[in-house]
Amino acid sequence: MADSSKESNERRVLSRRKLLGGAAAGVAAGAVGSFSSITKAWGAPAVPKGAVQEMTADVVVAGAGIGGLTAAVRSLHQGASVILLEKAEQPGGTTAHSEGGLANHEYEHMRNNSPDGDPVVQRAIYDNIERFFGFMEEIDAPITRPGEPAAMVGAQQISDGERRGRVIPPVVWVRYMVGELEDRGGTLLTETPMTRIMTNDRREVVGVLAEGPDGPVRIRTKAVVVATGGWAHNAKMVNEHITREQIWQRNVSNGRETPLFTGDGYFLASQLGAAPSKGGWDAFYGYSLPARPGRPVEPMANVSIYHAHFGVGLNLYGRRYADESGGKWGSRPRDQFTGRSAQILNQEGCRQVEASTIHIWDEVINRERACAECALGGSDRWLAYREVGAPVAQADTLSELADQIERWGRGTPAQTIMEEVTQYNQAAEAGRAWALPIPKTGAENGHANPLTTGPFYAVLGTAAITATYGGLRADSQGRVLDRFDRPIRGLFAAGVDIGGYSTYAYLGNLLIGGSFGYLSGTNAPRVPEPSGGWAVAPWMGASVPT
């Protein structure tokens, strides 16, 4: 046994070296690569097409992003047998398209910036994210170690105020965790969404149904972890909770890919009486994108308008519609999220006409924010927006810029643009941007400077969504709660299937994936066999292997 364990560890170390050696190429490509030809071989023996495939596992995890992969691997390290189901052709979810930053906030920081959030969920993240980091080190997963240089994550830097933040290389990390799953004897089934969670007469989890490429799959299990990535691609839910306007999926190219994040985990848990989170339903995470690109971009996040909050944001009427630095909160006292205000502006923009917004900035902002690393090979944002076919403008004077915007043909009067920008500039130059009809705060972070240095730039933006904030109610052990705040035996959750962590300001989706993936992966294997037996309750209308 010792020799076998040693060989497994050696394979893992060699695998990590190989992965890290190819990290730069993998991250640059921005894709995980197809696992389906490999992972299909990890399942049960082949069965005739259309026949029901019968399987058994201690723990079934649905979703192979950071939450699901962490829960699956952690459960394996707890001695459980694990089957990991993934709806897509390959694992990774939105994690594979992320920038990899886990900015570990202090608990008070979470409460201050998301006061309407669930304090139980927020406290559980604070208490367990360091345990997640420790587990990553224990299994030698690719993650920055303490003392390594702070990493730039998009437009923001992990700072000292965000307690001991870490970074994962997303594509490489996903590959490594899949390898760890394989080494430990776990099974990954891609293109296999979970379709039902089965319970017995006592409402204890006893199995799941799934639909694989070759037909139905029935799995007997005592514990299920839902980590399916939320409902950002569910147009009906987005229209009901967030906006009636159409907003784009930021983590796929032009929204053309088959929707993946349609609320599967939430709906399946709700069928068992799971309760919705108390907050976060009308908010989401995302950044504005250049409107209606003429060609596909992979991933769309690469052309996000990260610097929008430094300039002036207008709607199609030519009017400012929100505090670019603070959204609907305005001057409410709170911690400043450097780089997060652009996603708050995106949330407010989603409720404007056609979810369309006009973003204007000057050469100072362009040089320091939109093209800060151009001399080092970084992307010139304005040129990138023009390259993908979005309406853009550039002029030496603001009046010329306003004329160009009017010629976009979106009904925005140049005169109104000039009135609005002139009023803003006068207030900003006097240090009184906070006194505008719609205040602009954040002057201490350079968010409220006047636009006075030509050339001037503009792009037509459209609201875009990466992940949702509303979801299931969960306790500090990762268990899903019913409407009476009682845990549903055998049902756990991780990642953004859990709601109420962020409720307006973005606190970091990878944090809730890593921390609750660790929690659920620790606790799910400890669930005893169902006291009511393995027979499926009559109202479930199906059976699982005995």
Protein backbone atom coordinates (compact mmCIF):
# COMPACT_ATOMS: atom_id res chain seq x y z
CA MET A 1 0.00 0.00 0.00
CA ALA A 2 2.84 2.38 0.87
CA ASP A 3 4.57 1.72 -2.47
CA SER A 4 1.30 2.31 -4.33
CA SER A 5 0.77 5.59 -2.48
CA LYS A 6 4.34 6.63 -3.24
CA GLU A 7 3.88 5.88 -6.94
CA SER A 8 0.63 7.88 -7.00
CA ASN A 9 2.37 10.84 -5.34
CA GLU A 10 5.26 10.66 -7.80
CA ARG A 11 2.83 10.63 -10.73
CA ARG A 12 1.08 13.65 -9.25
CA VAL A 13 4.31 15.61 -8.84
CA LEU A 14 5.43 14.75 -12.37
CA SER A 15 1.98 15.69 -13.65
CA ARG A 16 2.16 19.03 -11.87
CA ARG A 17 5.59 19.78 -13.35
CA LYS A 18 4.30 18.96 -16.81
CA LEU A 19 1.20 21.11 -16.32
CA LEU A 20 3.08 24.07 -14.93
CA GLY A 21 5.59 23.80 -17.75
CA GLY A 22 2.78 24.35 -20.22
CA ALA A 23 0.90 26.87 -18.12
CA ALA A 24 1.69 29.92 -20.19
CA ALA A 25 0.47 28.33 -23.41
CA GLY A 26 -2.65 26.99 -21.73
CA VAL A 27 -3.63 30.28 -20.15
CA ALA A 28 -2.90 32.20 -23.33
CA ALA A 29 -5.19 29.88 -25.26
CA GLY A 30 -7.94 30.52 -22.72
CA ALA A 31 -9.43 27.05 -23.05
CA VAL A 32 -9.18 23.83 -21.11
CA GLY A 33 -9.12 21.55 -24.13
CA SER A 34 -11.35 18.53 -24.67
CA PHE A 35 -11.42 15.98 -21.89
CA SER A 36 -14.37 14.03 -23.25
CA SER A 37 -12.32 11.39 -25.05
CA ILE A 38 -10.46 10.71 -21.81
CA THR A 39 -13.20 11.07 -19.25
CA LYS A 40 -15.66 8.76 -20.96
CA ALA A 41 -13.13 6.01 -20.37
CA TRP A 42 -13.21 6.71 -16.62
CA GLY A 43 -16.88 5.76 -16.25
CA ALA A 44 -18.51 2.38 -15.87
CA PRO A 45 -18.16 -0.27 -18.59
CA ALA A 46 -19.91 0.53 -21.85
CA VAL A 47 -23.61 -0.32 -22.07
CA PRO A 48 -25.85 -0.52 -25.12
CA LYS A 49 -26.90 2.91 -26.37
CA GLY A 50 -30.17 3.97 -24.74
CA ALA A 51 -29.91 1.47 -21.88
CA VAL A 52 -29.87 2.69 -18.28
CA GLN A 53 -26.37 2.77 -16.83
CA GLU A 54 -26.38 1.79 -13.14
CA MET A 55 -23.67 3.17 -10.85
CA THR A 56 -22.96 3.61 -7.13
CA ALA A 57 -20.89 6.18 -5.22
CA ASP A 58 -20.66 7.63 -1.72
CA VAL A 59 -20.80 11.18 -3.09
CA VAL A 60 -22.08 12.59 -6.38
CA VAL A 61 -20.98 16.10 -7.33
CA ALA A 62 -22.76 18.04 -10.08
CA GLY A 63 -20.59 20.66 -11.78
CA ALA A 64 -16.85 20.71 -12.44
CA GLY A 65 -15.85 24.30 -11.73
CA ILE A 66 -13.81 25.31 -8.68
CA GLY A 67 -16.61 24.34 -6.26
CA GLY A 68 -17.33 20.94 -7.78
CA LEU A 69 -13.72 19.94 -8.43
CA THR A 70 -12.70 20.95 -4.91
CA ALA A 71 -15.64 19.07 -3.36
CA ALA A 72 -14.93 15.95 -5.43
CA VAL A 73 -11.21 15.82 -4.71
CA ARG A 74 -11.69 16.66 -1.03
CA SER A 75 -14.28 13.86 -0.72
CA LEU A 76 -11.84 11.41 -2.30
CA HIS A 77 -9.20 12.43 0.24
CA GLN A 78 -11.78 11.71 2.94
CA GLY A 79 -11.95 8.13 1.69
CA ALA A 80 -15.24 8.40 -0.21
CA SER A 81 -15.99 7.07 -3.68
CA VAL A 82 -16.97 9.94 -5.98
CA ILE A 83 -18.70 10.49 -9.30
CA LEU A 84 -18.40 13.99 -10.77
CA LEU A 85 -21.04 14.95 -13.35
CA GLU A 86 -20.40 17.78 -15.82
CA LYS A 87 -23.01 19.17 -18.19
CA ALA A 88 -20.48 20.56 -20.68
CA GLU A 89 -18.13 18.72 -23.00
CA GLN A 90 -15.23 19.59 -20.73
CA PRO A 91 -14.73 20.55 -17.08
CA GLY A 92 -13.88 24.02 -15.81
CA GLY A 93 -17.09 26.06 -15.93
CA THR A 94 -16.61 29.81 -15.48
CA THR A 95 -13.49 29.04 -13.43
CA ALA A 96 -11.60 28.20 -16.62
CA HIS A 97 -12.50 31.64 -18.02
CA SER A 98 -11.68 33.53 -14.83
CA GLU A 99 -8.53 35.46 -13.96
CA GLY A 100 -7.83 33.20 -10.98
CA GLY A 101 -7.80 35.73 -8.14
CA LEU A 102 -8.96 34.71 -4.66
CA ALA A 103 -8.84 38.00 -2.75
CA ASN A 104 -9.45 36.75 0.77
CA HIS A 105 -11.48 39.49 2.46
CA GLU A 106 -11.77 40.09 6.17
CA TYR A 107 -15.21 39.22 7.51
CA GLU A 108 -15.90 42.85 8.45
CA HIS A 109 -14.99 43.84 4.90
CA MET A 110 -17.64 41.43 3.57
CA ARG A 111 -20.31 42.75 5.93
CA ASN A 112 -19.50 46.36 5.12
CA ASN A 113 -19.68 45.88 1.37
CA SER A 114 -22.51 43.35 1.31
CA PRO A 115 -24.55 44.19 4.41
CA ASP A 116 -27.67 42.53 2.98
CA GLY A 117 -25.77 39.28 2.50
CA ASP A 118 -26.06 36.10 4.55
CA PRO A 119 -23.71 36.47 7.54
CA VAL A 120 -23.57 32.68 7.97
CA VAL A 121 -22.33 32.19 4.41
CA GLN A 122 -19.90 35.10 4.65
CA ARG A 123 -18.50 33.85 7.97
CA ALA A 124 -18.12 30.32 6.61
CA ILE A 125 -16.08 31.66 3.69
CA TYR A 126 -13.87 33.67 6.02
CA ASP A 127 -13.36 30.69 8.33
CA ASN A 128 -12.67 28.12 5.60
CA ILE A 129 -10.87 29.79 2.70
CA GLU A 130 -7.54 29.40 4.47
CA ARG A 131 -8.36 25.69 4.89
CA PHE A 132 -8.95 25.53 1.14
CA PHE A 133 -5.57 27.15 0.56
CA GLY A 134 -3.97 24.64 2.92
CA PHE A 135 -5.63 21.75 1.11
CA MET A 136 -4.35 23.03 -2.23
CA GLU A 137 -0.83 23.10 -0.79
CA GLU A 138 -1.31 19.62 0.70
CA ILE A 139 -2.13 18.12 -2.70
CA ASP A 140 0.51 20.28 -4.42
CA ALA A 141 -2.05 22.00 -6.63
CA PRO A 142 -0.94 25.02 -8.68
CA ILE A 143 -1.65 28.06 -6.48
CA THR A 144 0.50 30.95 -5.32
CA ARG A 145 2.12 30.37 -1.93
CA PRO A 146 2.33 32.80 1.00
CA GLY A 147 5.01 35.42 0.45
CA GLU A 148 4.89 35.25 -3.34
CA PRO A 149 4.28 38.61 -5.07
CA ALA A 150 0.72 39.93 -5.08
CA ALA A 151 -0.90 39.30 -8.45
CA MET A 152 -2.70 41.70 -10.72
CA VAL A 153 -6.20 40.40 -11.39
CA GLY A 154 -7.86 42.24 -14.27
CA ALA A 155 -8.08 45.90 -13.29
CA GLN A 156 -7.61 45.24 -9.59
CA GLN A 157 -4.75 44.20 -7.39
CA ILE A 158 -5.03 41.85 -4.46
CA SER A 159 -4.17 44.19 -1.62
CA ASP A 160 -3.20 43.95 2.03
CA GLY A 161 -6.81 44.74 2.96
CA GLU A 162 -7.88 41.53 1.25
CA ARG A 163 -6.39 39.08 3.73
CA ARG A 164 -3.65 36.89 2.27
CA GLY A 165 -5.07 36.61 -1.23
CA ARG A 166 -3.93 33.82 -3.56
CA VAL A 167 -4.08 33.18 -7.30
CA ILE A 168 -4.62 30.00 -9.32
CA PRO A 169 -3.77 29.63 -13.03
CA PRO A 170 -7.34 28.66 -13.99
CA VAL A 171 -6.77 26.37 -16.98
CA VAL A 172 -3.80 24.63 -15.42
CA TRP A 173 -5.57 24.31 -12.06
CA VAL A 174 -8.58 22.62 -13.67
CA ARG A 175 -6.36 20.15 -15.50
CA TYR A 176 -4.44 19.39 -12.35
CA MET A 177 -7.57 18.77 -10.29
CA VAL A 178 -8.95 16.43 -12.96
CA GLY A 179 -5.67 14.54 -12.79
CA GLU A 180 -5.92 14.37 -9.00
CA LEU A 181 -9.46 13.04 -9.32
CA GLU A 182 -8.22 10.31 -11.65
CA ASP A 183 -5.28 9.38 -9.42
CA ARG A 184 -7.63 8.94 -6.47
CA GLY A 185 -10.04 6.70 -8.36
CA GLY A 186 -12.81 9.23 -8.96
CA THR A 187 -15.05 9.18 -12.03
CA LEU A 188 -15.74 12.21 -14.22
CA LEU A 189 -18.65 11.99 -16.68
CA THR A 190 -18.81 14.89 -19.13
CA GLU A 191 -21.86 15.79 -21.22
CA THR A 192 -23.87 14.26 -18.37
CA PRO A 193 -26.16 16.74 -16.61
CA MET A 194 -27.91 15.68 -13.42
CA THR A 195 -31.67 15.62 -14.02
CA ARG A 196 -33.11 14.63 -10.62
CA ILE A 197 -32.09 14.10 -7.00
CA MET A 198 -33.87 11.09 -5.45
CA THR A 199 -35.00 10.77 -1.83
CA ASN A 200 -36.65 8.09 0.29
CA ASP A 201 -39.81 8.37 2.42
CA ARG A 202 -37.86 10.27 5.08
CA ARG A 203 -36.62 12.78 2.50
CA GLU A 204 -33.04 11.54 2.74
CA VAL A 205 -30.93 11.60 -0.42
CA VAL A 206 -30.60 8.10 -1.91
CA GLY A 207 -29.58 8.71 -5.52
CA VAL A 208 -29.55 10.82 -8.64
CA LEU A 209 -30.64 10.53 -12.24
CA ALA A 210 -28.52 11.94 -15.04
CA GLU A 211 -28.57 11.94 -18.82
CA GLY A 212 -25.35 10.91 -20.54
CA PRO A 213 -24.39 10.86 -24.23
CA ASP A 214 -25.37 7.18 -24.40
CA GLY A 215 -28.56 7.39 -22.39
CA PRO A 216 -29.85 7.59 -18.81
CA VAL A 217 -27.57 7.13 -15.79
CA ARG A 218 -28.87 6.13 -12.33
CA ILE A 219 -26.56 6.43 -9.36
CA ARG A 220 -27.15 5.28 -5.81
CA THR A 221 -25.55 7.69 -3.37
CA LYS A 222 -25.99 9.01 0.15
CA ALA A 223 -24.80 12.56 -0.57
CA VAL A 224 -25.04 15.06 -3.42
CA VAL A 225 -23.12 18.32 -3.86
CA VAL A 226 -24.72 20.78 -6.29
CA ALA A 227 -22.14 23.11 -7.85
CA THR A 228 -23.69 23.85 -11.22
CA GLY A 229 -22.69 27.52 -11.54
CA GLY A 230 -25.91 29.45 -10.96
CA TRP A 231 -28.50 30.71 -13.45
CA ALA A 232 -26.77 33.43 -15.48
CA HIS A 233 -27.83 31.78 -18.76
CA ASN A 234 -31.47 31.32 -17.76
CA ALA A 235 -33.18 34.13 -19.68
CA LYS A 236 -36.49 33.69 -17.88
CA MET A 237 -34.92 34.02 -14.42
CA VAL A 238 -32.75 36.94 -15.51
CA ASN A 239 -35.82 38.74 -16.86
CA GLU A 240 -37.78 37.99 -13.69
CA HIS A 241 -35.15 39.01 -11.14
CA ILE A 242 -32.68 41.38 -12.81
CA THR A 243 -33.83 43.14 -15.97
CA ARG A 244 -36.33 42.87 -18.81
CA GLU A 245 -33.63 43.91 -21.25
CA GLN A 246 -31.49 41.32 -23.00
CA ILE A 247 -28.00 41.10 -21.52
CA TRP A 248 -25.08 39.14 -22.89
CA GLN A 249 -23.29 36.13 -21.48
CA ARG A 250 -19.84 37.45 -20.74
CA ASN A 251 -18.07 34.11 -20.33
CA VAL A 252 -18.87 32.74 -23.81
CA SER A 253 -18.40 34.08 -27.32
CA ASN A 254 -21.28 36.37 -28.37
CA GLY A 255 -23.75 34.22 -26.44
CA ARG A 256 -23.81 31.64 -29.24
CA GLU A 257 -22.83 28.65 -27.16
CA THR A 258 -25.55 26.38 -25.78
CA PRO A 259 -26.50 27.81 -22.35
CA LEU A 260 -24.85 25.94 -19.49
CA PHE A 261 -25.67 27.90 -16.34
CA THR A 262 -29.44 27.60 -16.35
CA GLY A 263 -30.09 27.09 -12.63
CA ASP A 264 -30.01 23.27 -12.67
CA GLY A 265 -28.75 22.91 -9.10
CA TYR A 266 -31.23 25.46 -7.78
CA PHE A 267 -34.23 23.85 -9.50
CA LEU A 268 -33.33 20.28 -8.52
CA ALA A 269 -32.76 21.25 -4.88
CA SER A 270 -35.98 23.29 -4.87
CA GLN A 271 -37.91 20.15 -5.80
CA LEU A 272 -36.81 18.75 -2.44
CA GLY A 273 -38.03 21.82 -0.56
CA ALA A 274 -34.75 23.78 -0.52
CA ALA A 275 -35.08 27.44 0.45
CA PRO A 276 -33.91 30.37 -1.68
CA SER A 277 -31.28 32.71 -0.31
CA LYS A 278 -32.58 35.87 1.35
CA GLY A 279 -30.57 38.27 -0.78
CA GLY A 280 -28.76 38.85 -4.05
CA TRP A 281 -31.56 38.07 -6.50
CA ASP A 282 -31.56 41.42 -8.29
CA ALA A 283 -27.78 41.67 -8.67
CA PHE A 284 -25.04 39.83 -10.52
CA TYR A 285 -21.36 39.85 -11.44
CA GLY A 286 -20.15 41.04 -14.83
CA TYR A 287 -18.59 43.91 -16.75
CA SER A 288 -19.89 45.87 -19.72
CA LEU A 289 -18.79 44.63 -23.13
CA PRO A 290 -18.44 46.55 -26.41
CA ALA A 291 -21.88 46.42 -28.03
CA ARG A 292 -22.69 43.90 -30.75
CA PRO A 293 -19.21 42.91 -31.93
CA GLY A 294 -19.04 42.03 -35.59
CA ARG A 295 -16.89 38.97 -34.98
CA PRO A 296 -16.65 36.32 -32.24
CA VAL A 297 -14.21 36.87 -29.39
CA GLU A 298 -13.03 34.04 -27.09
CA PRO A 299 -13.56 34.63 -24.29
CA MET A 300 -15.71 37.76 -24.36
CA ALA A 301 -14.25 38.78 -20.99
CA ASN A 302 -11.04 39.77 -22.81
CA VAL A 303 -12.71 42.95 -24.13
CA SER A 304 -14.48 43.98 -20.92
CA ILE A 305 -14.74 47.73 -20.26
CA TYR A 306 -12.83 47.50 -16.98
CA HIS A 307 -12.02 51.24 -16.79
CA ALA A 308 -15.59 52.52 -17.22
CA HIS A 309 -15.86 53.96 -13.70
CA PHE A 310 -12.98 56.38 -14.24
CA GLY A 311 -14.82 58.18 -17.04
CA VAL A 312 -18.43 59.21 -17.59
CA GLY A 313 -21.23 56.74 -18.29
CA LEU A 314 -24.31 57.83 -20.24
CA ASN A 315 -27.47 56.04 -21.37
CA LEU A 316 -28.87 56.28 -24.89
CA TYR A 317 -30.68 59.50 -23.91
CA GLY A 318 -27.26 61.04 -23.26
CA ARG A 319 -27.72 61.27 -19.48
CA ARG A 320 -25.65 59.91 -16.63
CA TYR A 321 -27.62 57.08 -15.01
CA ALA A 322 -25.57 56.11 -11.91
CA ASP A 323 -22.64 57.01 -9.72
CA GLU A 324 -19.86 55.47 -11.82
CA SER A 325 -17.91 54.76 -8.61
CA GLY A 326 -20.68 53.52 -6.36
CA GLY A 327 -23.78 52.61 -8.35
CA LYS A 328 -27.07 53.02 -6.49
CA TRP A 329 -25.31 53.38 -3.13
CA GLY A 330 -23.78 56.71 -4.04
CA SER A 331 -21.93 58.20 -1.09
CA ARG A 332 -22.92 55.48 1.41
CA PRO A 333 -19.87 54.89 3.67
CA ARG A 334 -18.18 51.64 2.71
CA ASP A 335 -14.79 50.20 1.84
CA GLN A 336 -13.58 51.14 -1.62
CA PHE A 337 -13.27 48.22 -4.02
CA THR A 338 -10.47 49.28 -6.33
CA GLY A 339 -11.48 48.12 -9.81
CA ARG A 340 -14.89 46.78 -8.72
CA SER A 341 -16.91 49.92 -9.50
CA ALA A 342 -17.03 49.12 -13.22
CA GLN A 343 -19.02 45.96 -12.49
CA ILE A 344 -21.44 47.97 -10.31
CA LEU A 345 -21.88 50.42 -13.21
CA ASN A 346 -22.58 47.42 -15.45
CA GLN A 347 -25.35 46.29 -13.09
CA GLU A 348 -27.01 49.70 -13.29
CA GLY A 349 -26.55 49.75 -17.06
CA CYS A 350 -28.48 46.52 -17.52
CA ARG A 351 -31.69 48.37 -16.61
CA GLN A 352 -31.18 51.19 -19.12
CA VAL A 353 -32.83 51.25 -22.56
CA GLU A 354 -31.68 48.19 -24.53
CA ALA A 355 -29.15 47.58 -21.70
CA SER A 356 -26.89 49.92 -23.71
CA THR A 357 -24.51 52.51 -22.29
CA ILE A 358 -22.02 55.03 -23.65
CA HIS A 359 -18.61 55.24 -21.96
CA ILE A 360 -16.48 58.37 -22.43
CA TRP A 361 -12.91 58.95 -21.22
CA ASP A 362 -9.92 61.18 -21.99
CA GLU A 363 -6.27 60.56 -22.82
CA VAL A 364 -5.19 60.55 -19.16
CA ILE A 365 -7.57 57.69 -18.37
CA ASN A 366 -6.69 55.99 -21.65
CA ARG A 367 -2.97 56.07 -20.85
CA GLU A 368 -3.22 55.16 -17.18
CA ARG A 369 -6.23 52.80 -17.16
CA ALA A 370 -7.36 51.63 -20.59
CA CYS A 371 -3.89 51.22 -22.07
CA ALA A 372 -1.77 51.12 -18.93
CA GLU A 373 0.49 48.28 -20.15
CA CYS A 374 0.54 48.99 -23.88
CA ALA A 375 4.27 49.73 -23.77
CA LEU A 376 4.75 46.24 -22.32
CA GLY A 377 2.62 44.53 -24.92
CA GLY A 378 -0.73 45.02 -23.23
CA SER A 379 -3.97 45.51 -25.14
CA ASP A 380 -5.12 48.98 -26.18
CA ARG A 381 -8.76 48.72 -25.11
CA TRP A 382 -10.14 51.31 -27.53
CA LEU A 383 -8.43 49.67 -30.49
CA ALA A 384 -9.72 46.28 -29.29
CA TYR A 385 -13.28 47.62 -29.17
CA ARG A 386 -12.94 49.00 -32.70
CA GLU A 387 -11.40 45.74 -33.91
CA VAL A 388 -14.39 43.64 -32.78
CA GLY A 389 -16.80 45.94 -34.59
CA ALA A 390 -18.36 47.94 -31.76
CA PRO A 391 -19.43 51.59 -32.31
CA VAL A 392 -16.48 53.72 -31.15
CA ALA A 393 -15.44 57.37 -31.39
CA GLN A 394 -12.18 59.31 -31.04
CA ALA A 395 -11.74 63.08 -31.39
CA ASP A 396 -9.51 65.95 -30.28
CA THR A 397 -12.42 67.82 -28.70
CA LEU A 398 -15.46 66.74 -26.71
CA SER A 399 -17.84 68.46 -29.14
CA GLU A 400 -16.40 66.49 -32.07
CA LEU A 401 -16.70 63.31 -29.99
CA ALA A 402 -20.36 64.08 -29.22
CA ASP A 403 -21.05 64.59 -32.94
CA GLN A 404 -19.53 61.20 -33.73
CA ILE A 405 -21.64 59.52 -31.04
CA GLU A 406 -24.80 61.10 -32.47
CA ARG A 407 -23.86 59.65 -35.88
CA TRP A 408 -23.96 56.13 -34.39
CA GLY A 409 -27.68 56.45 -35.06
CA ARG A 410 -28.82 55.32 -31.61
CA GLY A 411 -30.87 58.44 -30.91
CA THR A 412 -28.36 60.15 -28.61
CA PRO A 413 -28.29 63.96 -29.17
CA ALA A 414 -24.82 65.55 -29.30
CA GLN A 415 -26.17 68.61 -27.47
CA THR A 416 -27.35 66.50 -24.53
CA ILE A 417 -23.99 64.71 -24.35
CA MET A 418 -22.18 68.06 -24.19
CA GLU A 419 -24.53 69.38 -21.49
CA GLU A 420 -24.00 66.31 -19.34
CA VAL A 421 -20.21 66.05 -19.74
CA THR A 422 -19.74 69.81 -19.29
CA GLN A 423 -21.76 69.77 -16.07
CA TYR A 424 -19.70 66.83 -14.83
CA ASN A 425 -16.37 68.49 -15.73
CA GLN A 426 -17.28 71.73 -13.97
CA ALA A 427 -18.22 69.87 -10.79
CA ALA A 428 -15.14 67.65 -10.92
CA GLU A 429 -12.78 70.58 -11.48
CA ALA A 430 -14.29 72.29 -8.42
CA GLY A 431 -13.92 69.10 -6.37
CA ARG A 432 -17.70 68.88 -6.05
CA ALA A 433 -18.59 65.85 -8.17
CA TRP A 434 -20.33 64.54 -5.06
CA ALA A 435 -22.85 67.41 -5.38
CA LEU A 436 -24.06 66.53 -8.88
CA PRO A 437 -27.75 65.52 -9.31
CA ILE A 438 -26.34 61.99 -9.62
CA PRO A 439 -23.21 62.20 -7.43
CA LYS A 440 -19.90 60.74 -8.47
CA THR A 441 -17.94 59.57 -5.46
CA GLY A 442 -14.56 57.92 -5.10
CA ALA A 443 -12.51 61.06 -5.66
CA GLU A 444 -9.79 59.68 -3.36
CA ASN A 445 -9.27 56.83 -5.86
CA GLY A 446 -9.12 59.06 -8.92
CA HIS A 447 -12.64 58.15 -10.00
CA ALA A 448 -13.95 61.73 -10.14
CA ASN A 449 -11.38 63.58 -12.22
CA PRO A 450 -12.52 65.92 -15.05
CA LEU A 451 -12.19 64.85 -18.68
CA THR A 452 -10.02 67.65 -20.06
CA THR A 453 -7.09 66.10 -21.93
CA GLY A 454 -7.58 65.16 -25.58
CA PRO A 455 -7.87 63.06 -27.55
CA PHE A 456 -11.17 61.83 -26.13
CA TYR A 457 -12.59 58.33 -26.55
CA ALA A 458 -15.99 56.63 -26.46
CA VAL A 459 -17.45 53.17 -26.94
CA LEU A 460 -21.02 51.89 -26.98
CA GLY A 461 -21.32 49.23 -24.31
CA THR A 462 -23.83 46.53 -23.50
CA ALA A 463 -24.49 44.97 -20.09
CA ALA A 464 -23.06 41.47 -19.67
CA ILE A 465 -23.40 38.79 -16.99
CA THR A 466 -20.88 36.25 -15.72
CA ALA A 467 -22.55 34.84 -12.60
CA THR A 468 -25.58 35.35 -10.39
CA TYR A 469 -25.75 36.15 -6.66
CA GLY A 470 -29.14 34.65 -5.69
CA GLY A 471 -29.28 30.91 -5.02
CA LEU A 472 -29.81 28.26 -2.39
CA ARG A 473 -29.76 28.86 1.36
CA ALA A 474 -26.92 26.96 3.03
CA ASP A 475 -25.50 26.60 6.53
CA SER A 476 -21.93 26.80 7.81
CA GLN A 477 -21.30 23.14 6.93
CA GLY A 478 -22.33 23.48 3.30
CA ARG A 479 -25.68 21.74 3.85
CA VAL A 480 -28.67 22.98 1.86
CA LEU A 481 -31.50 24.23 4.09
CA ASP A 482 -35.24 23.92 3.63
CA ARG A 483 -37.73 26.73 4.20
CA PHE A 484 -37.72 26.05 7.93
CA ASP A 485 -33.89 26.39 8.01
CA ARG A 486 -33.47 22.65 8.54
CA PRO A 487 -30.73 20.82 6.61
CA ILE A 488 -31.90 18.43 3.90
CA ARG A 489 -30.09 15.22 4.77
CA GLY A 490 -27.46 14.36 2.19
CA LEU A 491 -27.77 17.57 0.14
CA PHE A 492 -24.85 20.02 -0.03
CA ALA A 493 -23.89 22.96 -2.25
CA ALA A 494 -20.80 24.88 -3.35
CA GLY A 495 -19.99 27.90 -5.49
CA VAL A 496 -22.62 30.30 -6.77
CA ASP A 497 -25.39 27.72 -6.41
CA ILE A 498 -25.28 29.14 -2.87
CA GLY A 499 -26.84 32.59 -2.69
CA GLY A 500 -26.44 35.59 -0.43
CA TYR A 501 -22.65 35.96 -0.35
CA SER A 502 -22.49 39.01 -2.61
CA THR A 503 -25.67 41.06 -2.93
CA TYR A 504 -24.49 44.09 -4.93
CA ALA A 505 -20.75 44.75 -4.69
CA TYR A 506 -18.75 41.79 -6.01
CA LEU A 507 -16.84 39.87 -3.33
CA GLY A 508 -15.33 37.11 -5.48
CA ASN A 509 -16.98 33.98 -6.89
CA LEU A 510 -13.86 31.81 -6.66
CA LEU A 511 -13.88 32.35 -2.89
CA ILE A 512 -17.32 30.80 -2.44
CA GLY A 513 -16.33 27.97 -4.78
CA GLY A 514 -13.11 27.14 -2.97
CA SER A 515 -14.37 27.53 0.59
CA PHE A 516 -17.70 25.74 0.20
CA GLY A 517 -16.16 23.16 -2.11
CA TYR A 518 -13.78 22.36 0.74
CA LEU A 519 -16.61 22.39 3.31
CA SER A 520 -19.00 20.20 1.31
CA GLY A 521 -16.21 17.86 0.28
CA THR A 522 -15.28 17.44 3.94
CA ASN A 523 -18.82 16.91 5.27
CA ALA A 524 -20.61 15.01 2.49
CA PRO A 525 -18.61 11.78 3.01
CA ARG A 526 -19.54 11.85 6.72
CA VAL A 527 -23.27 11.49 6.02
CA PRO A 528 -24.40 8.05 7.26
CA GLU A 529 -26.39 5.68 5.09
CA PRO A 530 -30.06 6.72 4.98
CA SER A 531 -31.93 5.60 8.08
CA GLY A 532 -35.06 5.15 6.00
CA GLY A 533 -33.42 2.72 3.58
CA TRP A 534 -32.56 3.00 -0.10
CA ALA A 535 -36.06 2.65 -1.50
CA VAL A 536 -37.05 5.72 -3.49
CA ALA A 537 -40.18 7.51 -2.27
CA PRO A 538 -43.19 6.80 -4.49
CA TRP A 539 -43.63 10.47 -5.35
CA MET A 540 -40.13 10.54 -6.93
CA GLY A 541 -41.31 8.18 -9.66
CA ALA A 542 -38.02 6.34 -10.25
CA SER A 543 -35.61 3.88 -8.68
CA VAL A 544 -31.87 3.63 -8.13
CA PRO A 545 -29.53 0.62 -7.89
CA THR A 546 -29.66 -1.37 -4.64
